[in-house]
Amino acid sequence: MSLLKRMVETPLYIDIRKGALNDLASVLADQRISAGGHFAIVMSKSGKDKFSEQIKKSAPNADLFISPGNSLQDATKLADDLKSKKYDAIVGVGGGRVIDLCKYVATKLEVPMISVATNLAHDGIASPVSILEDKNSRGSFGVNAPLAVVIDLDVVKLAPNRFLKAGIGDVFSNLSAVKDWELATKVNGEKIDGLAASMARISAEALLGRPDSIGSEEFLVALSEALVLSGIAMGIAGTSRPCSGACHEISHAIDLLFPERTKPHGEQVGVGALFATFLRDGFDSFQELGFALLQHDLPISHIDLGFSDEEFGQVIKSAPTTRPDRFTILEHLNLDDKQIKEKISEFNEALKSINFN
């Protein structure tokens, strides 16, 4: 028997079910993370208003804190404030901003982090990456992945439908991201992690073709699992590569160029993935992804996001600069202004062939 084995870092515990938030303290005790419930819970103000009473009943010995913000400075200050209390763990209860903040803080304090998602708008629930504001931009920081992930279906159902659907767009973008990774391997010899790529792809394919959507509890479980698997794929790869390609470069460019007009991340990367698929793949792949986005009432074009052809041209031109170390279809084609304009026009025409009805 071969002694060569691979160690894969995953969360110690994953709990996706109704009522999971009510068992928070017992989960941490059972997993030997915090026997006495001495941990810090960080939430947004709105999250505290909604869930603080429920959490106090389930974790009476925990201390509750309001998230100060989502900047690197906020994270550093919070870590300094919590350091002297020697908590067993940091528990982030909220959306992506709160969870990313807590992942960074827990890593800095060298204590376990527990991710408790209150919406399904993003794939950072279980990832080893924190996105924080830094110097008028958003930076990506490598952190320790959460030790446990808790998703209460009763809680996520309370989130606006738009944010649940955004998570679908984020998962679907994996299909494009993996294709970009394979392109970088073929053209530049970049090393690809087959397990991470497979896991990212499979998580997206698990949602493709399903007849149900966010109104179905079974679909919410599948979406939750897909988002968690996406995060684990990034942990396996040691990079966001399996889930981030041209699709995310386009979204980052929108954030930088039009900060007052940004839409939910999942909506932007969904459009970015469809445009990248149009540039890179055949008609069938483009149709399949476009149909899947429409099925869940997600945007399929920059027009749907509120941007003109000219503005989207600026986005496409700037997108490669957002991740200069990443090779995608945008870097491969290296389109000039005229070519970008032509491709956007062709993209608009191709979109007419996508008909959900």
Protein backbone atom coordinates (compact mmCIF):
# COMPACT_ATOMS: atom_id res chain seq x y z
CA MET A 1 0.00 0.00 0.00
CA SER A 2 1.34 3.41 -0.93
CA LEU A 3 2.21 5.68 1.96
CA LEU A 4 1.67 8.75 -0.18
CA LYS A 5 -1.45 10.48 1.06
CA ARG A 6 -2.93 13.90 0.80
CA MET A 7 -4.12 15.91 3.78
CA VAL A 8 -7.12 18.07 2.96
CA GLU A 9 -8.11 20.88 5.31
CA THR A 10 -11.87 21.13 5.78
CA PRO A 11 -14.13 22.49 8.51
CA LEU A 12 -14.31 20.16 11.50
CA TYR A 13 -18.08 20.43 11.58
CA ILE A 14 -20.71 21.48 9.03
CA ASP A 15 -24.31 21.91 10.20
CA ILE A 16 -26.94 22.81 7.58
CA ARG A 17 -30.51 22.44 8.88
CA LYS A 18 -33.49 24.22 10.38
CA GLY A 19 -32.92 25.45 13.92
CA ALA A 20 -29.13 25.10 13.82
CA LEU A 21 -28.60 28.51 15.44
CA ASN A 22 -30.43 27.32 18.57
CA ASP A 23 -27.72 24.73 19.21
CA LEU A 24 -24.69 26.98 18.76
CA ALA A 25 -23.14 26.55 22.23
CA SER A 26 -23.75 22.80 22.35
CA VAL A 27 -22.19 22.39 18.90
CA LEU A 28 -19.01 24.12 20.06
CA ALA A 29 -18.96 22.06 23.24
CA ASP A 30 -19.54 18.76 21.43
CA GLN A 31 -16.72 19.56 19.01
CA ARG A 32 -14.43 20.45 21.94
CA ILE A 33 -14.00 23.98 20.68
CA SER A 34 -15.47 25.69 23.75
CA ALA A 35 -16.64 23.53 26.65
CA GLY A 36 -17.84 26.46 28.73
CA GLY A 37 -19.22 28.66 25.98
CA HIS A 38 -16.57 31.36 26.48
CA PHE A 39 -16.48 32.73 22.96
CA ALA A 40 -17.03 36.05 21.22
CA ILE A 41 -19.92 36.48 18.82
CA VAL A 42 -19.57 39.28 16.27
CA MET A 43 -22.64 40.52 14.42
CA SER A 44 -23.80 43.53 12.46
CA LYS A 45 -26.19 45.90 14.23
CA SER A 46 -29.11 44.66 12.17
CA GLY A 47 -28.10 41.07 12.90
CA LYS A 48 -27.99 41.79 16.62
CA ASP A 49 -31.48 43.29 16.46
CA LYS A 50 -32.79 40.16 14.74
CA PHE A 51 -30.95 37.33 16.44
CA SER A 52 -29.44 38.48 19.77
CA GLU A 53 -32.27 37.10 21.91
CA GLN A 54 -32.15 33.76 20.14
CA ILE A 55 -28.38 33.59 20.55
CA LYS A 56 -28.45 34.57 24.22
CA LYS A 57 -30.72 31.59 24.88
CA SER A 58 -28.48 29.19 22.97
CA ALA A 59 -25.14 30.63 24.16
CA PRO A 60 -25.66 32.42 27.51
CA ASN A 61 -21.94 32.57 28.36
CA ALA A 62 -20.89 34.15 25.07
CA ASP A 63 -20.13 37.86 24.67
CA LEU A 64 -21.82 39.75 21.84
CA PHE A 65 -20.03 42.44 19.83
CA ILE A 66 -21.19 44.72 17.03
CA SER A 67 -19.04 44.55 13.92
CA PRO A 68 -17.18 47.86 13.63
CA GLY A 69 -16.98 47.69 9.83
CA ASN A 70 -15.26 45.74 7.09
CA SER A 71 -11.91 47.48 6.74
CA LEU A 72 -8.46 46.16 7.56
CA GLN A 73 -8.28 48.83 10.25
CA ASP A 74 -11.59 47.66 11.74
CA ALA A 75 -10.34 44.09 11.84
CA THR A 76 -7.08 45.09 13.49
CA LYS A 77 -8.88 47.17 16.14
CA LEU A 78 -11.35 44.39 16.91
CA ALA A 79 -8.51 41.90 17.30
CA ASP A 80 -6.81 44.26 19.75
CA ASP A 81 -10.05 44.69 21.72
CA LEU A 82 -10.63 40.92 22.00
CA LYS A 83 -7.04 39.84 22.58
CA SER A 84 -6.94 40.28 26.37
CA LYS A 85 -10.12 38.25 26.96
CA LYS A 86 -8.63 35.03 25.60
CA TYR A 87 -11.77 33.69 23.99
CA ASP A 88 -11.99 30.04 22.96
CA ALA A 89 -13.27 31.05 19.53
CA ILE A 90 -14.55 33.92 17.41
CA VAL A 91 -18.03 33.33 15.98
CA GLY A 92 -19.09 35.45 13.03
CA VAL A 93 -22.86 35.61 12.64
CA GLY A 94 -23.91 37.44 9.50
CA GLY A 95 -23.23 37.94 5.83
CA GLY A 96 -19.95 37.99 3.95
CA ARG A 97 -18.61 41.19 5.48
CA VAL A 98 -19.01 40.01 9.07
CA ILE A 99 -17.67 36.53 8.31
CA ASP A 100 -14.64 37.92 6.44
CA LEU A 101 -13.91 40.29 9.32
CA CYS A 102 -14.06 37.45 11.84
CA LYS A 103 -11.89 35.12 9.78
CA TYR A 104 -9.16 37.77 9.74
CA VAL A 105 -9.53 38.54 13.47
CA ALA A 106 -9.46 34.86 14.48
CA THR A 107 -6.39 34.24 12.36
CA LYS A 108 -4.63 37.21 13.92
CA LEU A 109 -5.53 35.99 17.44
CA GLU A 110 -4.71 32.35 16.56
CA VAL A 111 -8.07 31.04 17.77
CA PRO A 112 -10.72 28.99 15.93
CA MET A 113 -13.31 30.82 13.84
CA ILE A 114 -16.91 29.62 13.50
CA SER A 115 -18.84 30.78 10.45
CA VAL A 116 -22.58 31.24 10.99
CA ALA A 117 -24.15 32.43 7.76
CA THR A 118 -27.37 34.44 7.87
CA ASN A 119 -27.61 34.64 4.08
CA LEU A 120 -26.32 32.65 1.11
CA ALA A 121 -25.09 35.52 -1.05
CA HIS A 122 -21.43 34.51 -1.24
CA ASP A 123 -18.94 31.63 -1.32
CA GLY A 124 -16.80 32.95 1.55
CA ILE A 125 -18.71 30.97 4.17
CA ALA A 126 -16.01 28.29 4.38
CA SER A 127 -13.14 29.82 2.41
CA PRO A 128 -9.62 30.70 3.61
CA VAL A 129 -9.94 34.20 2.18
CA SER A 130 -11.06 37.51 3.72
CA ILE A 131 -12.09 40.44 1.56
CA LEU A 132 -11.52 43.67 3.48
CA GLU A 133 -11.51 47.33 2.55
CA ASP A 134 -7.98 48.72 2.47
CA LYS A 135 -6.81 52.10 1.22
CA ASN A 136 -9.94 52.95 -0.78
CA SER A 137 -10.08 49.49 -2.39
CA ARG A 138 -10.96 45.95 -1.44
CA GLY A 139 -8.06 43.64 -0.69
CA SER A 140 -7.95 39.84 -0.55
CA PHE A 141 -6.19 38.38 2.50
CA GLY A 142 -5.26 34.75 3.11
CA VAL A 143 -6.63 33.55 6.46
CA ASN A 144 -7.37 30.31 8.27
CA ALA A 145 -10.54 28.63 7.07
CA PRO A 146 -13.44 28.38 9.55
CA LEU A 147 -13.22 25.43 11.93
CA ALA A 148 -16.98 24.96 11.77
CA VAL A 149 -19.80 26.16 9.54
CA VAL A 150 -23.38 26.59 10.71
CA ILE A 151 -26.24 27.44 8.34
CA ASP A 152 -29.72 27.69 9.85
CA LEU A 153 -32.28 27.34 7.07
CA ASP A 154 -34.88 29.19 9.15
CA VAL A 155 -32.48 32.13 9.39
CA VAL A 156 -31.35 32.29 5.75
CA LYS A 157 -34.98 32.22 4.62
CA LEU A 158 -35.35 35.64 6.27
CA ALA A 159 -32.78 37.19 3.94
CA PRO A 160 -34.04 39.15 0.92
CA ASN A 161 -34.57 36.89 -2.10
CA ARG A 162 -32.07 38.96 -4.06
CA PHE A 163 -29.25 37.96 -1.74
CA LEU A 164 -30.15 34.29 -1.86
CA LYS A 165 -30.16 34.42 -5.65
CA ALA A 166 -26.80 36.22 -5.63
CA GLY A 167 -25.26 33.12 -4.07
CA ILE A 168 -26.48 31.12 -7.05
CA GLY A 169 -24.63 33.48 -9.39
CA ASP A 170 -21.47 33.12 -7.33
CA VAL A 171 -21.64 29.33 -7.54
CA PHE A 172 -22.36 29.32 -11.28
CA SER A 173 -19.29 31.51 -11.86
CA ASN A 174 -17.16 28.52 -10.79
CA LEU A 175 -17.80 27.02 -14.23
CA SER A 176 -16.08 29.95 -15.91
CA ALA A 177 -13.35 30.23 -13.28
CA VAL A 178 -12.29 26.60 -13.73
CA LYS A 179 -12.21 27.05 -17.52
CA ASP A 180 -9.91 30.06 -17.02
CA TRP A 181 -7.67 27.97 -14.78
CA GLU A 182 -7.49 25.25 -17.43
CA LEU A 183 -6.67 27.89 -20.04
CA ALA A 184 -3.81 29.20 -17.89
CA THR A 185 -2.51 25.65 -17.57
CA LYS A 186 -2.64 25.09 -21.32
CA VAL A 187 -1.12 28.43 -22.34
CA ASN A 188 1.23 29.26 -19.48
CA GLY A 189 1.86 25.92 -17.84
CA GLU A 190 0.25 27.10 -14.60
CA LYS A 191 -0.17 24.26 -12.14
CA ILE A 192 -3.77 23.20 -11.65
CA ASP A 193 -5.07 21.31 -8.64
CA GLY A 194 -7.39 18.68 -10.07
CA LEU A 195 -9.22 18.01 -6.81
CA ALA A 196 -9.92 21.70 -6.18
CA ALA A 197 -11.03 22.25 -9.78
CA SER A 198 -13.32 19.21 -9.68
CA MET A 199 -14.88 20.27 -6.41
CA ALA A 200 -15.56 23.81 -7.66
CA ARG A 201 -17.05 22.50 -10.90
CA ILE A 202 -19.18 19.85 -9.19
CA SER A 203 -20.61 22.39 -6.75
CA ALA A 204 -21.88 24.46 -9.69
CA GLU A 205 -23.12 21.48 -11.67
CA ALA A 206 -25.17 20.39 -8.64
CA LEU A 207 -27.39 23.44 -9.18
CA LEU A 208 -27.56 23.31 -12.98
CA GLY A 209 -30.79 21.97 -14.39
CA ARG A 210 -32.64 21.77 -11.09
CA PRO A 211 -36.33 22.60 -11.59
CA ASP A 212 -36.63 24.30 -8.18
CA SER A 213 -35.16 27.52 -6.77
CA ILE A 214 -34.91 29.43 -3.50
CA GLY A 215 -38.53 28.75 -2.59
CA SER A 216 -37.59 25.11 -2.04
CA GLU A 217 -35.91 24.03 1.19
CA GLU A 218 -34.14 21.25 -0.72
CA PHE A 219 -32.68 23.84 -3.08
CA LEU A 220 -31.46 25.97 -0.16
CA VAL A 221 -29.65 22.92 1.22
CA ALA A 222 -28.07 22.28 -2.19
CA LEU A 223 -27.05 25.95 -2.49
CA SER A 224 -25.59 25.93 1.03
CA GLU A 225 -23.59 22.80 0.27
CA ALA A 226 -22.37 24.26 -3.03
CA LEU A 227 -21.14 27.43 -1.32
CA VAL A 228 -19.38 25.44 1.40
CA LEU A 229 -17.76 23.14 -1.19
CA SER A 230 -16.57 26.20 -3.13
CA GLY A 231 -14.86 27.49 0.00
CA ILE A 232 -13.24 24.11 0.63
CA ALA A 233 -12.04 24.03 -2.99
CA MET A 234 -10.24 27.32 -2.39
CA GLY A 235 -8.70 25.89 0.77
CA ILE A 236 -7.45 22.84 -1.09
CA ALA A 237 -5.93 25.00 -3.83
CA GLY A 238 -4.48 27.51 -1.40
CA THR A 239 -5.88 30.23 -3.64
CA SER A 240 -9.23 31.54 -4.85
CA ARG A 241 -8.33 30.25 -8.35
CA PRO A 242 -11.00 27.49 -8.53
CA CYS A 243 -13.77 30.02 -7.98
CA SER A 244 -12.35 33.26 -9.36
CA GLY A 245 -11.35 34.07 -12.93
CA ALA A 246 -12.36 36.69 -15.47
CA CYS A 247 -15.80 36.64 -13.87
CA HIS A 248 -14.41 38.10 -10.65
CA GLU A 249 -12.00 40.44 -12.41
CA ILE A 250 -15.02 41.99 -14.13
CA SER A 251 -16.86 42.31 -10.82
CA HIS A 252 -13.82 43.87 -9.11
CA ALA A 253 -13.54 46.39 -11.96
CA ILE A 254 -17.18 47.38 -11.50
CA ASP A 255 -16.53 47.89 -7.78
CA LEU A 256 -13.53 50.12 -8.50
CA LEU A 257 -14.92 52.14 -11.41
CA PHE A 258 -18.51 52.53 -10.24
CA PRO A 259 -18.48 52.13 -6.45
CA GLU A 260 -21.81 53.91 -6.01
CA ARG A 261 -23.57 51.65 -8.52
CA THR A 262 -22.42 48.20 -7.53
CA LYS A 263 -24.87 45.33 -7.33
CA PRO A 264 -24.67 42.17 -5.19
CA HIS A 265 -21.40 40.36 -5.86
CA GLY A 266 -23.13 37.23 -7.14
CA GLU A 267 -25.07 39.19 -9.74
CA GLN A 268 -21.92 40.85 -11.05
CA VAL A 269 -19.83 37.67 -11.23
CA GLY A 270 -22.73 35.88 -12.92
CA VAL A 271 -22.74 38.45 -15.73
CA GLY A 272 -18.93 38.35 -15.78
CA ALA A 273 -18.98 34.57 -16.11
CA LEU A 274 -21.46 34.72 -18.99
CA PHE A 275 -19.38 37.31 -20.86
CA ALA A 276 -16.19 35.28 -20.29
CA THR A 277 -18.00 32.14 -21.49
CA PHE A 278 -19.06 34.02 -24.61
CA LEU A 279 -15.43 34.98 -25.28
CA ARG A 280 -13.98 31.56 -24.54
CA ASP A 281 -16.42 28.70 -25.06
CA GLY A 282 -18.88 27.41 -27.60
CA PHE A 283 -22.50 28.32 -28.13
CA ASP A 284 -23.85 25.43 -26.02
CA SER A 285 -21.94 26.45 -22.87
CA PHE A 286 -23.02 30.06 -23.31
CA GLN A 287 -26.66 29.01 -23.73
CA GLU A 288 -26.57 26.66 -20.74
CA LEU A 289 -25.15 29.25 -18.35
CA GLY A 290 -27.40 32.04 -19.64
CA PHE A 291 -30.47 29.84 -19.27
CA ALA A 292 -29.45 28.86 -15.73
CA LEU A 293 -29.06 32.51 -14.70
CA LEU A 294 -32.43 33.44 -16.17
CA GLN A 295 -34.10 30.49 -14.48
CA HIS A 296 -33.30 32.08 -11.12
CA ASP A 297 -34.15 35.60 -12.30
CA LEU A 298 -30.52 36.71 -12.26
CA PRO A 299 -29.03 39.36 -14.59
CA ILE A 300 -27.43 38.09 -17.78
CA SER A 301 -26.02 41.35 -19.16
CA HIS A 302 -24.36 44.60 -18.18
CA ILE A 303 -27.58 46.34 -19.26
CA ASP A 304 -29.44 44.37 -16.58
CA LEU A 305 -26.87 45.64 -14.07
CA GLY A 306 -27.49 49.23 -15.18
CA PHE A 307 -24.39 49.84 -17.32
CA SER A 308 -24.17 51.08 -20.87
CA ASP A 309 -22.04 49.43 -23.54
CA GLU A 310 -19.47 52.20 -23.16
CA GLU A 311 -19.31 51.77 -19.38
CA PHE A 312 -19.03 48.01 -19.70
CA GLY A 313 -16.21 48.56 -22.16
CA GLN A 314 -14.35 50.51 -19.46
CA VAL A 315 -14.97 47.60 -17.07
CA ILE A 316 -13.60 45.00 -19.50
CA LYS A 317 -10.54 47.12 -20.23
CA SER A 318 -9.78 47.59 -16.51
CA ALA A 319 -10.67 44.08 -15.35
CA PRO A 320 -7.21 42.48 -15.90
CA THR A 321 -5.56 45.16 -13.76
CA THR A 322 -7.56 44.07 -10.72
CA ARG A 323 -5.67 40.77 -10.53
CA PRO A 324 -2.37 41.26 -12.39
CA ASP A 325 -1.14 37.84 -11.21
CA ARG A 326 -4.09 35.97 -12.71
CA PHE A 327 -4.31 34.69 -16.29
CA THR A 328 -7.82 34.42 -17.73
CA ILE A 329 -9.50 34.68 -21.11
CA LEU A 330 -9.25 38.48 -20.81
CA GLU A 331 -5.45 38.38 -20.52
CA HIS A 332 -5.24 35.72 -23.21
CA LEU A 333 -7.19 37.74 -25.79
CA ASN A 334 -5.70 41.09 -24.69
CA LEU A 335 -8.44 43.01 -26.50
CA ASP A 336 -7.86 46.62 -27.56
CA ASP A 337 -10.57 49.28 -27.33
CA LYS A 338 -11.96 48.55 -30.78
CA GLN A 339 -12.06 44.80 -30.19
CA ILE A 340 -13.75 45.27 -26.82
CA LYS A 341 -16.44 47.37 -28.45
CA GLU A 342 -16.97 44.74 -31.14
CA LYS A 343 -17.13 41.87 -28.64
CA ILE A 344 -19.69 43.69 -26.50
CA SER A 345 -21.83 44.28 -29.57
CA GLU A 346 -21.57 40.59 -30.49
CA PHE A 347 -22.36 39.65 -26.87
CA ASN A 348 -25.52 41.77 -26.96
CA GLU A 349 -26.61 40.01 -30.12
CA ALA A 350 -25.85 36.56 -28.70
CA LEU A 351 -27.95 37.31 -25.61
CA LYS A 352 -31.04 37.44 -27.83
CA SER A 353 -30.69 33.71 -28.39
CA ILE A 354 -31.12 32.98 -24.67
CA ASN A 355 -34.83 32.52 -24.07
CA PHE A 356 -35.99 31.12 -20.76
CA ASN A 357 -39.52 30.63 -22.05
